[in-house]
Every structure is written in C-alpha cells, then in structure tokens.
Amino acid sequence: MYVLVYIPAFNEEHRIAGVIESVPRDLSGVTQIGVLVVDDGSTDRTGKVAEAAGAGVLRHEVNQGVGGAFHTALE
C-alpha cells in the first residue's frame, strides 16, 4: 500500500522542512510513504525548501486557500 501525505503550505519557509521530516517513514502494512507539498502562492522559498527536504512540490502562482490546495492535491 502507498500512502501520500499532502501538506498545504503558504509562506512556511522556516517550518516546512521540520514538518516534512516529522512524517513517519515506516508504517505497518505500508510499502511506501510519499510527501506532497502544495505551495499555495508563497512569496518566500517554501517550495524550494520543501523540495530540498525530499517532498514533491506543486505550486500555485496565486494563493487559492486551503480548499484550492486540497483540490490540487486530489487532482
């Protein structure tokens, strides 16, 4: 089983790496865990920091709010 952890983020450059690193990487019955950050129009380096921490990143050019970020993650 594959689990994808989705994290919406807006201007979280200083916190996002810690959040990504706190995602469990070993769960019973789960063969792979992925992390996806939806950078919701941040004006800082949130997306770059998230990539460096090992997450996949999708980026909105304009902030769409948590609902928009959730919709993007589902797509």
PDB file of N, CA and C in Angstrom:
ATOM      1  N   MET A   1       0.846  -1.175   0.000  1.00  0.00           N
ATOM      2  CA  MET A   1       0.000   0.000   0.000  1.00  0.00           C
ATOM      3  C   MET A   1       0.893   1.239   0.000  1.00  0.00           C
ATOM      4  N   TYR A   2       0.481   2.216  -0.780  1.00  0.00           N
ATOM      5  CA  TYR A   2       1.174   3.501  -0.877  1.00  0.00           C
ATOM      6  C   TYR A   2       0.350   4.557  -0.168  1.00  0.00           C
ATOM      7  N   VAL A   3       0.993   5.363   0.676  1.00  0.00           N
ATOM      8  CA  VAL A   3       0.325   6.462   1.369  1.00  0.00           C
ATOM      9  C   VAL A   3       0.971   7.770   0.922  1.00  0.00           C
ATOM     10  N   LEU A   4       0.126   8.725   0.562  1.00  0.00           N
ATOM     11  CA  LEU A   4       0.608  10.057   0.191  1.00  0.00           C
ATOM     12  C   LEU A   4       0.144  11.043   1.249  1.00  0.00           C
ATOM     13  N   VAL A   5       1.088  11.717   1.855  1.00  0.00           N
ATOM     14  CA  VAL A   5       0.791  12.744   2.852  1.00  0.00           C
ATOM     15  C   VAL A   5       0.833  14.086   2.134  1.00  0.00           C
ATOM     16  N   TYR A   6      -0.300  14.783   2.159  1.00  0.00           N
ATOM     17  CA  TYR A   6      -0.420  16.077   1.488  1.00  0.00           C
ATOM     18  C   TYR A   6      -0.313  17.192   2.522  1.00  0.00           C
ATOM     19  N   ILE A   7       0.500  18.194   2.224  1.00  0.00           N
ATOM     20  CA  ILE A   7       0.695  19.321   3.136  1.00  0.00           C
ATOM     21  C   ILE A   7       0.474  20.620   2.362  1.00  0.00           C
ATOM     22  N   PRO A   8      -0.583  21.371   2.702  1.00  0.00           N
ATOM     23  CA  PRO A   8      -0.734  22.701   2.097  1.00  0.00           C
ATOM     24  C   PRO A   8       0.225  23.665   2.801  1.00  0.00           C
ATOM     25  N   ALA A   9       0.802  24.587   2.052  1.00  0.00           N
ATOM     26  CA  ALA A   9       1.764  25.500   2.674  1.00  0.00           C
ATOM     27  C   ALA A   9       1.712  26.870   2.016  1.00  0.00           C
ATOM     28  N   PHE A  10       1.740  27.888   2.847  1.00  0.00           N
ATOM     29  CA  PHE A  10       1.789  29.273   2.376  1.00  0.00           C
ATOM     30  C   PHE A  10       2.785  30.027   3.244  1.00  0.00           C
ATOM     31  N   ASN A  11       3.896  30.424   2.644  1.00  0.00           N
ATOM     32  CA  ASN A  11       4.949  31.165   3.343  1.00  0.00           C
ATOM     33  C   ASN A  11       5.403  30.455   4.618  1.00  0.00           C
ATOM     34  N   GLU A  12       5.813  29.204   4.462  1.00  0.00           N
ATOM     35  CA  GLU A  12       6.267  28.377   5.586  1.00  0.00           C
ATOM     36  C   GLU A  12       7.736  27.976   5.441  1.00  0.00           C
ATOM     37  N   GLU A  13       8.513  28.814   4.816  1.00  0.00           N
ATOM     38  CA  GLU A  13       9.923  28.526   4.549  1.00  0.00           C
ATOM     39  C   GLU A  13      10.682  28.049   5.797  1.00  0.00           C
ATOM     40  N   HIS A  14      10.398  28.620   6.941  1.00  0.00           N
ATOM     41  CA  HIS A  14      11.156  28.309   8.157  1.00  0.00           C
ATOM     42  C   HIS A  14      10.625  27.084   8.902  1.00  0.00           C
ATOM     43  N   ARG A  15       9.455  26.563   8.517  1.00  0.00           N
ATOM     44  CA  ARG A  15       8.864  25.439   9.233  1.00  0.00           C
ATOM     45  C   ARG A  15       8.679  24.186   8.396  1.00  0.00           C
ATOM     46  N   ILE A  16       8.617  24.325   7.087  1.00  0.00           N
ATOM     47  CA  ILE A  16       8.195  23.209   6.230  1.00  0.00           C
ATOM     48  C   ILE A  16       9.136  22.016   6.304  1.00  0.00           C
ATOM     49  N   ALA A  17      10.433  22.234   6.382  1.00  0.00           N
ATOM     50  CA  ALA A  17      11.369  21.103   6.442  1.00  0.00           C
ATOM     51  C   ALA A  17      11.110  20.256   7.689  1.00  0.00           C
ATOM     52  N   GLY A  18      10.876  20.886   8.821  1.00  0.00           N
ATOM     53  CA  GLY A  18      10.593  20.148  10.052  1.00  0.00           C
ATOM     54  C   GLY A  18       9.310  19.352   9.968  1.00  0.00           C
ATOM     55  N   VAL A  19       8.306  19.921   9.319  1.00  0.00           N
ATOM     56  CA  VAL A  19       7.038  19.207   9.149  1.00  0.00           C
ATOM     57  C   VAL A  19       7.256  17.982   8.260  1.00  0.00           C
ATOM     58  N   ILE A  20       7.966  18.154   7.167  1.00  0.00           N
ATOM     59  CA  ILE A  20       8.242  17.043   6.256  1.00  0.00           C
ATOM     60  C   ILE A  20       9.041  15.955   6.972  1.00  0.00           C
ATOM     61  N   GLU A  21      10.046  16.351   7.717  1.00  0.00           N
ATOM     62  CA  GLU A  21      10.882  15.387   8.436  1.00  0.00           C
ATOM     63  C   GLU A  21      10.113  14.650   9.521  1.00  0.00           C
ATOM     64  N   SER A  22       9.015  15.223  10.011  1.00  0.00           N
ATOM     65  CA  SER A  22       8.240  14.569  11.076  1.00  0.00           C
ATOM     66  C   SER A  22       7.251  13.525  10.549  1.00  0.00           C
ATOM     67  N   VAL A  23       7.088  13.445   9.233  1.00  0.00           N
ATOM     68  CA  VAL A  23       6.185  12.448   8.652  1.00  0.00           C
ATOM     69  C   VAL A  23       6.800  11.065   8.866  1.00  0.00           C
ATOM     70  N   PRO A  24       6.046  10.135   9.461  1.00  0.00           N
ATOM     71  CA  PRO A  24       6.584   8.785   9.673  1.00  0.00           C
ATOM     72  C   PRO A  24       6.955   8.140   8.340  1.00  0.00           C
ATOM     73  N   ARG A  25       8.050   7.434   8.305  1.00  0.00           N
ATOM     74  CA  ARG A  25       8.509   6.779   7.079  1.00  0.00           C
ATOM     75  C   ARG A  25       8.351   5.263   7.136  1.00  0.00           C
ATOM     76  N   ASP A  26       7.870   4.770   8.266  1.00  0.00           N
ATOM     77  CA  ASP A  26       7.716   3.329   8.433  1.00  0.00           C
ATOM     78  C   ASP A  26       6.403   3.053   9.156  1.00  0.00           C
ATOM     79  N   LEU A  27       5.422   2.572   8.412  1.00  0.00           N
ATOM     80  CA  LEU A  27       4.126   2.225   8.981  1.00  0.00           C
ATOM     81  C   LEU A  27       3.793   0.783   8.619  1.00  0.00           C
ATOM     82  N   SER A  28       3.277   0.055   9.560  1.00  0.00           N
ATOM     83  CA  SER A  28       2.917  -1.338   9.333  1.00  0.00           C
ATOM     84  C   SER A  28       1.930  -1.462   8.170  1.00  0.00           C
ATOM     85  N   GLY A  29       2.229  -2.340   7.235  1.00  0.00           N
ATOM     86  CA  GLY A  29       1.350  -2.581   6.096  1.00  0.00           C
ATOM     87  C   GLY A  29       1.504  -1.586   4.959  1.00  0.00           C
ATOM     88  N   VAL A  30       2.362  -0.597   5.122  1.00  0.00           N
ATOM     89  CA  VAL A  30       2.568   0.425   4.095  1.00  0.00           C
ATOM     90  C   VAL A  30       3.932   0.197   3.454  1.00  0.00           C
ATOM     91  N   THR A  31       3.950   0.054   2.144  1.00  0.00           N
ATOM     92  CA  THR A  31       5.210  -0.205   1.451  1.00  0.00           C
ATOM     93  C   THR A  31       5.963   1.063   1.081  1.00  0.00           C
ATOM     94  N   GLN A  32       5.225   2.165   0.920  1.00  0.00           N
ATOM     95  CA  GLN A  32       5.872   3.421   0.537  1.00  0.00           C
ATOM     96  C   GLN A  32       5.053   4.594   1.051  1.00  0.00           C
ATOM     97  N   ILE A  33       5.755   5.615   1.531  1.00  0.00           N
ATOM     98  CA  ILE A  33       5.103   6.837   2.001  1.00  0.00           C
ATOM     99  C   ILE A  33       5.699   8.003   1.217  1.00  0.00           C
ATOM    100  N   GLY A  34       4.839   8.774   0.582  1.00  0.00           N
ATOM    101  CA  GLY A  34       5.273   9.949  -0.156  1.00  0.00           C
ATOM    102  C   GLY A  34       4.763  11.212   0.510  1.00  0.00           C
ATOM    103  N   VAL A  35       5.443  12.304   0.271  1.00  0.00           N
ATOM    104  CA  VAL A  35       5.030  13.599   0.808  1.00  0.00           C
ATOM    105  C   VAL A  35       4.873  14.569  -0.356  1.00  0.00           C
ATOM    106  N   LEU A  36       3.712  15.217  -0.408  1.00  0.00           N
ATOM    107  CA  LEU A  36       3.416  16.209  -1.432  1.00  0.00           C
ATOM    108  C   LEU A  36       3.066  17.527  -0.763  1.00  0.00           C
ATOM    109  N   VAL A  37       3.816  18.560  -1.091  1.00  0.00           N
ATOM    110  CA  VAL A  37       3.531  19.904  -0.583  1.00  0.00           C
ATOM    111  C   VAL A  37       2.889  20.694  -1.711  1.00  0.00           C
ATOM    112  N   VAL A  38       1.747  21.300  -1.431  1.00  0.00           N
ATOM    113  CA  VAL A  38       1.149  22.237  -2.375  1.00  0.00           C
ATOM    114  C   VAL A  38       1.514  23.634  -1.872  1.00  0.00           C
ATOM    115  N   ASP A  39       2.475  24.235  -2.560  1.00  0.00           N
ATOM    116  CA  ASP A  39       2.925  25.592  -2.241  1.00  0.00           C
ATOM    117  C   ASP A  39       1.888  26.544  -2.814  1.00  0.00           C
ATOM    118  N   ASP A  40       1.102  27.117  -1.938  1.00  0.00           N
ATOM    119  CA  ASP A  40      -0.085  27.870  -2.334  1.00  0.00           C
ATOM    120  C   ASP A  40       0.213  29.349  -2.560  1.00  0.00           C
ATOM    121  N   GLY A  41       1.103  29.618  -3.525  1.00  0.00           N
ATOM    122  CA  GLY A  41       1.395  31.000  -3.901  1.00  0.00           C
ATOM    123  C   GLY A  41       2.343  31.715  -2.956  1.00  0.00           C
ATOM    124  N   SER A  42       3.192  30.965  -2.285  1.00  0.00           N
ATOM    125  CA  SER A  42       4.130  31.579  -1.331  1.00  0.00           C
ATOM    126  C   SER A  42       5.031  32.601  -2.008  1.00  0.00           C
ATOM    127  N   THR A  43       5.410  33.610  -1.247  1.00  0.00           N
ATOM    128  CA  THR A  43       6.337  34.621  -1.747  1.00  0.00           C
ATOM    129  C   THR A  43       7.733  34.411  -1.181  1.00  0.00           C
ATOM    130  N   ASP A  44       7.902  33.368  -0.371  1.00  0.00           N
ATOM    131  CA  ASP A  44       9.219  33.033   0.165  1.00  0.00           C
ATOM    132  C   ASP A  44       9.738  31.759  -0.523  1.00  0.00           C
ATOM    133  N   ARG A  45      10.641  31.052   0.090  1.00  0.00           N
ATOM    134  CA  ARG A  45      11.270  29.871  -0.513  1.00  0.00           C
ATOM    135  C   ARG A  45      10.616  28.561  -0.057  1.00  0.00           C
ATOM    136  N   THR A  46       9.355  28.581   0.303  1.00  0.00           N
ATOM    137  CA  THR A  46       8.675  27.381   0.793  1.00  0.00           C
ATOM    138  C   THR A  46       8.862  26.195  -0.144  1.00  0.00           C
ATOM    139  N   GLY A  47       8.602  26.361  -1.417  1.00  0.00           N
ATOM    140  CA  GLY A  47       8.704  25.264  -2.370  1.00  0.00           C
ATOM    141  C   GLY A  47      10.109  24.705  -2.484  1.00  0.00           C
ATOM    142  N   LYS A  48      11.094  25.568  -2.561  1.00  0.00           N
ATOM    143  CA  LYS A  48      12.490  25.133  -2.672  1.00  0.00           C
ATOM    144  C   LYS A  48      12.938  24.375  -1.431  1.00  0.00           C
ATOM    145  N   VAL A  49      12.556  24.873  -0.272  1.00  0.00           N
ATOM    146  CA  VAL A  49      12.920  24.208   0.982  1.00  0.00           C
ATOM    147  C   VAL A  49      12.227  22.849   1.079  1.00  0.00           C
ATOM    148  N   ALA A  50      10.967  22.780   0.659  1.00  0.00           N
ATOM    149  CA  ALA A  50      10.230  21.513   0.679  1.00  0.00           C
ATOM    150  C   ALA A  50      10.883  20.493  -0.248  1.00  0.00           C
ATOM    151  N   GLU A  51      11.283  20.923  -1.434  1.00  0.00           N
ATOM    152  CA  GLU A  51      11.980  20.014  -2.359  1.00  0.00           C
ATOM    153  C   GLU A  51      13.276  19.508  -1.761  1.00  0.00           C
ATOM    154  N   ALA A  52      14.037  20.408  -1.154  1.00  0.00           N
ATOM    155  CA  ALA A  52      15.313  20.030  -0.542  1.00  0.00           C
ATOM    156  C   ALA A  52      15.112  19.037   0.602  1.00  0.00           C
ATOM    157  N   ALA A  53      13.951  19.096   1.253  1.00  0.00           N
ATOM    158  CA  ALA A  53      13.640  18.185   2.357  1.00  0.00           C
ATOM    159  C   ALA A  53      13.086  16.850   1.858  1.00  0.00           C
ATOM    160  N   GLY A  54      12.930  16.707   0.538  1.00  0.00           N
ATOM    161  CA  GLY A  54      12.519  15.433  -0.024  1.00  0.00           C
ATOM    162  C   GLY A  54      11.070  15.305  -0.441  1.00  0.00           C
ATOM    163  N   ALA A  55      10.323  16.384  -0.404  1.00  0.00           N
ATOM    164  CA  ALA A  55       8.911  16.343  -0.796  1.00  0.00           C
ATOM    165  C   ALA A  55       8.749  16.642  -2.280  1.00  0.00           C
ATOM    166  N   GLY A  56       7.695  16.105  -2.862  1.00  0.00           N
ATOM    167  CA  GLY A  56       7.267  16.553  -4.174  1.00  0.00           C
ATOM    168  C   GLY A  56       6.542  17.873  -3.971  1.00  0.00           C
ATOM    169  N   VAL A  57       6.607  18.761  -4.925  1.00  0.00           N
ATOM    170  CA  VAL A  57       6.002  20.086  -4.760  1.00  0.00           C
ATOM    171  C   VAL A  57       5.170  20.450  -5.989  1.00  0.00           C
ATOM    172  N   LEU A  58       3.946  20.879  -5.742  1.00  0.00           N
ATOM    173  CA  LEU A  58       3.102  21.511  -6.750  1.00  0.00           C
ATOM    174  C   LEU A  58       2.935  22.955  -6.311  1.00  0.00           C
ATOM    175  N   ARG A  59       2.943  23.888  -7.273  1.00  0.00           N
ATOM    176  CA  ARG A  59       2.908  25.301  -6.893  1.00  0.00           C
ATOM    177  C   ARG A  59       1.768  26.038  -7.560  1.00  0.00           C
ATOM    178  N   HIS A  60       1.042  26.794  -6.755  1.00  0.00           N
ATOM    179  CA  HIS A  60       0.065  27.754  -7.271  1.00  0.00           C
ATOM    180  C   HIS A  60       0.792  29.081  -7.446  1.00  0.00           C
ATOM    181  N   GLU A  61       0.543  29.751  -8.535  1.00  0.00           N
ATOM    182  CA  GLU A  61       1.129  31.074  -8.743  1.00  0.00           C
ATOM    183  C   GLU A  61       0.469  32.122  -7.848  1.00  0.00           C
ATOM    184  N   VAL A  62      -0.814  31.897  -7.526  1.00  0.00           N
ATOM    185  CA  VAL A  62      -1.587  32.810  -6.690  1.00  0.00           C
ATOM    186  C   VAL A  62      -2.217  31.996  -5.566  1.00  0.00           C
ATOM    187  N   ASN A  63      -2.232  32.555  -4.363  1.00  0.00           N
ATOM    188  CA  ASN A  63      -2.817  31.867  -3.218  1.00  0.00           C
ATOM    189  C   ASN A  63      -4.286  31.560  -3.476  1.00  0.00           C
ATOM    190  N   GLN A  64      -4.657  30.289  -3.310  1.00  0.00           N
ATOM    191  CA  GLN A  64      -6.030  29.845  -3.526  1.00  0.00           C
ATOM    192  C   GLN A  64      -6.694  29.361  -2.248  1.00  0.00           C
ATOM    193  N   GLY A  65      -5.971  29.404  -1.152  1.00  0.00           N
ATOM    194  CA  GLY A  65      -6.524  28.950   0.120  1.00  0.00           C
ATOM    195  C   GLY A  65      -6.404  27.444   0.273  1.00  0.00           C
ATOM    196  N   VAL A  66      -6.690  26.966   1.473  1.00  0.00           N
ATOM    197  CA  VAL A  66      -6.516  25.556   1.773  1.00  0.00           C
ATOM    198  C   VAL A  66      -7.429  24.677   0.916  1.00  0.00           C
ATOM    199  N   GLY A  67      -8.626  25.157   0.581  1.00  0.00           N
ATOM    200  CA  GLY A  67      -9.526  24.400  -0.270  1.00  0.00           C
ATOM    201  C   GLY A  67      -8.960  24.219  -1.677  1.00  0.00           C
ATOM    202  N   GLY A  68      -8.387  25.267  -2.215  1.00  0.00           N
ATOM    203  CA  GLY A  68      -7.769  25.181  -3.533  1.00  0.00           C
ATOM    204  C   GLY A  68      -6.561  24.268  -3.518  1.00  0.00           C
ATOM    205  N   ALA A  69      -5.773  24.345  -2.445  1.00  0.00           N
ATOM    206  CA  ALA A  69      -4.600  23.471  -2.323  1.00  0.00           C
ATOM    207  C   ALA A  69      -5.040  22.013  -2.208  1.00  0.00           C
ATOM    208  N   PHE A  70      -6.099  21.767  -1.453  1.00  0.00           N
ATOM    209  CA  PHE A  70      -6.621  20.404  -1.321  1.00  0.00           C
ATOM    210  C   PHE A  70      -7.090  19.861  -2.669  1.00  0.00           C
ATOM    211  N   HIS A  71      -7.801  20.671  -3.412  1.00  0.00           N
ATOM    212  CA  HIS A  71      -8.278  20.272  -4.735  1.00  0.00           C
ATOM    213  C   HIS A  71      -7.102  19.934  -5.666  1.00  0.00           C
ATOM    214  N   THR A  72      -6.068  20.738  -5.631  1.00  0.00           N
ATOM    215  CA  THR A  72      -4.885  20.479  -6.439  1.00  0.00           C
ATOM    216  C   THR A  72      -4.245  19.152  -6.044  1.00  0.00           C
ATOM    217  N   ALA A  73      -4.154  18.882  -4.766  1.00  0.00           N
ATOM    218  CA  ALA A  73      -3.561  17.621  -4.298  1.00  0.00           C
ATOM    219  C   ALA A  73      -4.369  16.432  -4.780  1.00  0.00           C
ATOM    220  N   LEU A  74      -5.687  16.544  -4.782  1.00  0.00           N
ATOM    221  CA  LEU A  74      -6.528  15.443  -5.250  1.00  0.00           C
ATOM    222  C   LEU A  74      -6.370  15.194  -6.735  1.00  0.00           C
ATOM    223  N   GLU A  75      -6.180  16.246  -7.497  1.00  0.00           N
ATOM    224  CA  GLU A  75      -6.003  16.099  -8.949  1.00  0.00           C
ATOM    225  C   GLU A  75      -4.736  15.344  -9.239  1.00  0.00           C
TER     226      GLU A  75
END
